[in-house]
Amino acid sequence: MTIPRLAHAPALEDFLTMKPEGPVAPGMVKIIHFVQQQPHDGQTVSQPTEAYLGYDEKNLYVVFVCHDDPAKVRAHETRREDFNGNDDDVAIMLDTFHDRRRAYEFEVNPRGIQWDAIYTEASYADTGGNFDSSFDTLWYSKGKVTEQGYVVWIAIPFRSLRFPSAQDQTWGIILLREIIRDNERAFWPYISINQEGRLGQAGSAKGLSGISPGRNLQLIPYGLLNSFHTVDDRGPYTPCPTATDPTATCARYQNRAIGGTVGLDGKVIFNDSLVLDATANPDFSQVESDEPQVTVNQRYRVYFPEKRPFFIENSDYFHTPIDLFFTRNIVNPDAGIRLTGKTGAYSLGILASDDRAPGLTVSPADPLFKSRSYFNIARVSRDIFKQSSIGAIYTDWEDPAANTFNRVGGLDARFKFSPQLTASAQGVVSSTYCSDQYSTTYSTCAAGYSAGPAYKAELDYTTRHWLQSGVYNDVSPGFFTQPGFVTRVDIREYRDGTSYNFRPKRGPVVAWGPELFGHWTWDHTGLRLDTDYAPDLAITLKRQTRIVLMPYEETRERLRPGRDFAGPTGGPNLDFHEHASGVNVISSPFSQFTLGANYFWGDEINFVPGVNAAPYLAHFEQGGATATIHPFSQLKVDNTYLVSRLRTRDTNANIFNNHIIRSKWNWQFNRELSLRVILQYNATLTRNSPSVSANLFPYTYLPTSKQFNTDILVTYLLHPGTALYVGYNTDQQNLDPSLQIDPVLPGVHHGTRLINDGRLFFVKVSYLFRF
């Protein structure tokens, strides 16, 4: 398409009759041939859809005219980026470098609520897939439901985009409409599900001439006032002898009546395409709590996605097949700087940050108190061929106070052999020295020097009906990454996933078919560690409904003493043979409800046995239920219940019951002002009494623990960067009221009733200046 230059900006009101009117709108280029990708690949969109595009010196304008029965349109007045998947929407994707690898996506629901993201063709499942929705920038949108459907108006400032410094621009472009009730997704141009990715099928937008982001300097200063009351269990502890324990010690409370701080985020654009970000004294008080996950009896660390603005923007520049930069490992930074962007065929990412966490998690009497560690990450990739690339990454982590370092470097590549076949590979090597002092204090690395390589290769084949994925992962015994997220070393592992989808042309079933997943793991001596086979049947129906039936899963796990559990090194391995079954259902039958439920049962290893006991096989049950309710447009209520139970196989005795109940309420007064309340209850119920020593716990060392958290946040968000937050958080746990330190388990001894162990109140204001 050729996008025309406009004398004036178009208005939403120019299209409310479902056709362009006024002096400007008729001169915009008109797009009408939208084609379904789902549910019926290749068919014309079921509801008439038109898009109109134009630009002026400052903005690109897009107007969607979507015909439909207004009673069937799904649209809610929600928080920014809180409607995706629940409402009808339209979107524009812009591949501004026209390299078919990376694009901006701007998505809007029928009420004008925004969602934006960065889309990349390289999909790394371990790091979030194709869409990075953490991207936030300043753009404008409006929407209105009419008697004949709805109209959406979008204006995207050129200074919010990065593109080559050239007089005449040619961009890749995709337009999208989603009709949620019918599971329908339609594109212009036609984006077939028979090909992997989107950008290789994108259209070309020409006519953009004489545009530039300009001298783009952004500053976001913030001010914060807060007060808090929390338990400080770092030590040194205060003697608090009791009648039964004359050597008992207790933690203490840490308090601040009122305090304040200021900070600054800055952004500078070079050559229209390179972005330098810096942050000084960042604060993340307004960041929402993590979605609940079961963390009890997990063999490996649980992955929680990043939510902090500085680390998530442009994070896709650092993604590689092996996750070598997991930003949540930078816990408490004081300052950071990042350079990202693209110049010619090269993409670049460089980040440096400190982290105060090592010095804040230890006692003031510890020699490492107030010490810092430092993260330095560098990543470069070069485009080759049509949609392929090669790259390199280097990560450096240093803790000077503890004389400890970790460095990782290597090469990676991605090749797209055909529209259906894609391969990626990476090889890296690590070098680590962990001092005795650091190893003893933090236990994240073994004392001494270690080094070793890690490799990963993946092959993906995608068609309309058949999806095939194979992944080989090889991590040597000496490999270690402090900045990354690698949960297991000394393995050679192959994972395979195969699915076939039948796609009926009529009826309520959108797609259905069998799936088969398996993985095989050995250590570097050739010893078989794990195998897993899981066939299932997946059925997708209209009205956002999906059912997965898993009739049988067979797993074998081999645990080595001194490595996989705390047994004597050289002792016998423990071999377990497990079976499981399950079902998972999610559905959105009406615009007011989205419901989900799952239930799994079978065998599972107890990785939290009694003190000095070895892991053993137990019977598990795990379930969950979710309900998202929109009583009316401005109110959204998300409810979650997760339960996990473990029982002995011989006597059916309870080992633990873990319950997580979470209810999140969001009232959107208008597009800018909202009130969010989160109530969450966590409980791990065991047969263990707080008055009994953990040495005597028969089935698990876990004590009975209960926690209730209340989080309240009032937000006035004018646009990303300019906002006012007022928040309050209070937490209650069943801790011993005297804060007596547990003689066996880390932390404060658990009690029989809930006490307030922490509360926080804050007011934060920030403002975006753009020059």
Foldseek 3Di string as FASTA:
>chain_A
DEFAAWPDDDDLVQCQVVAGDDDTQVVFDKDWQWAWQPLDAGHGDPWTKMKTWHHYQWWTKIKIRTFDQLVQFFAFQEAAQPCPLQGKKKKKWKQQALQLAKTKIWMAGQAWHTFIWMAGLDAQPVAPGGTQRLDFDDWGKGHDQHNGGIMIMTIDTLLRDFHAPDFWTKIFMKIWTARALFRIIIIPPRQHLFFRDRSVPTDIYTNDGDYASPFWKKKKKKKKKKWKKFWDQQDPWAQDADPVGNRWTFTDMDTDPMDMDMWMWIWGDDNRWKIKIKIAQDDDVVFDDFDDDDDAQDLWDDDTADGDNVCSHVVVQQDANFFQARPVLQPAWRMKMWMWGDDDQKTWIKIKTKHQVQQVNHYPVDQSHRFIKMKIKIKMKGDDDRHKIKIKIKIKIDGVSQRWIKIKIWIKIKDDPDRFKIKIKIKMKMWIAGDPSRCVPPVPDDHGIFMDMKMKMKMWGGGSFKTKIKMWIAAAPRDDHSRGDDTDHQKTKMKIKIWTWDADPDDFWSIKTKMKIKMWMDGPVRHTAKIKIWIWIWTAGRQGKIKIWTAKMKMKGKAADPPSAPDDHPDDIDIDIKMKTKMKIWGRNGSFKIKIKMKMWIKDWRRFFAPPDDIDIWIKIKMKMWMWGPPDSQKIKIWIKIWMWTAHPPPRHTAKIWIKIKIWMWGHPHNFKIKIKMKIKIWIDGPDALVDASNPRGTGSDHTKIKIKIKIWIWGDPGPSFIKIWIKMWMKMQFDPSRIARPPDGGTRGHDDIDTRMMMTMIMGMHMDID
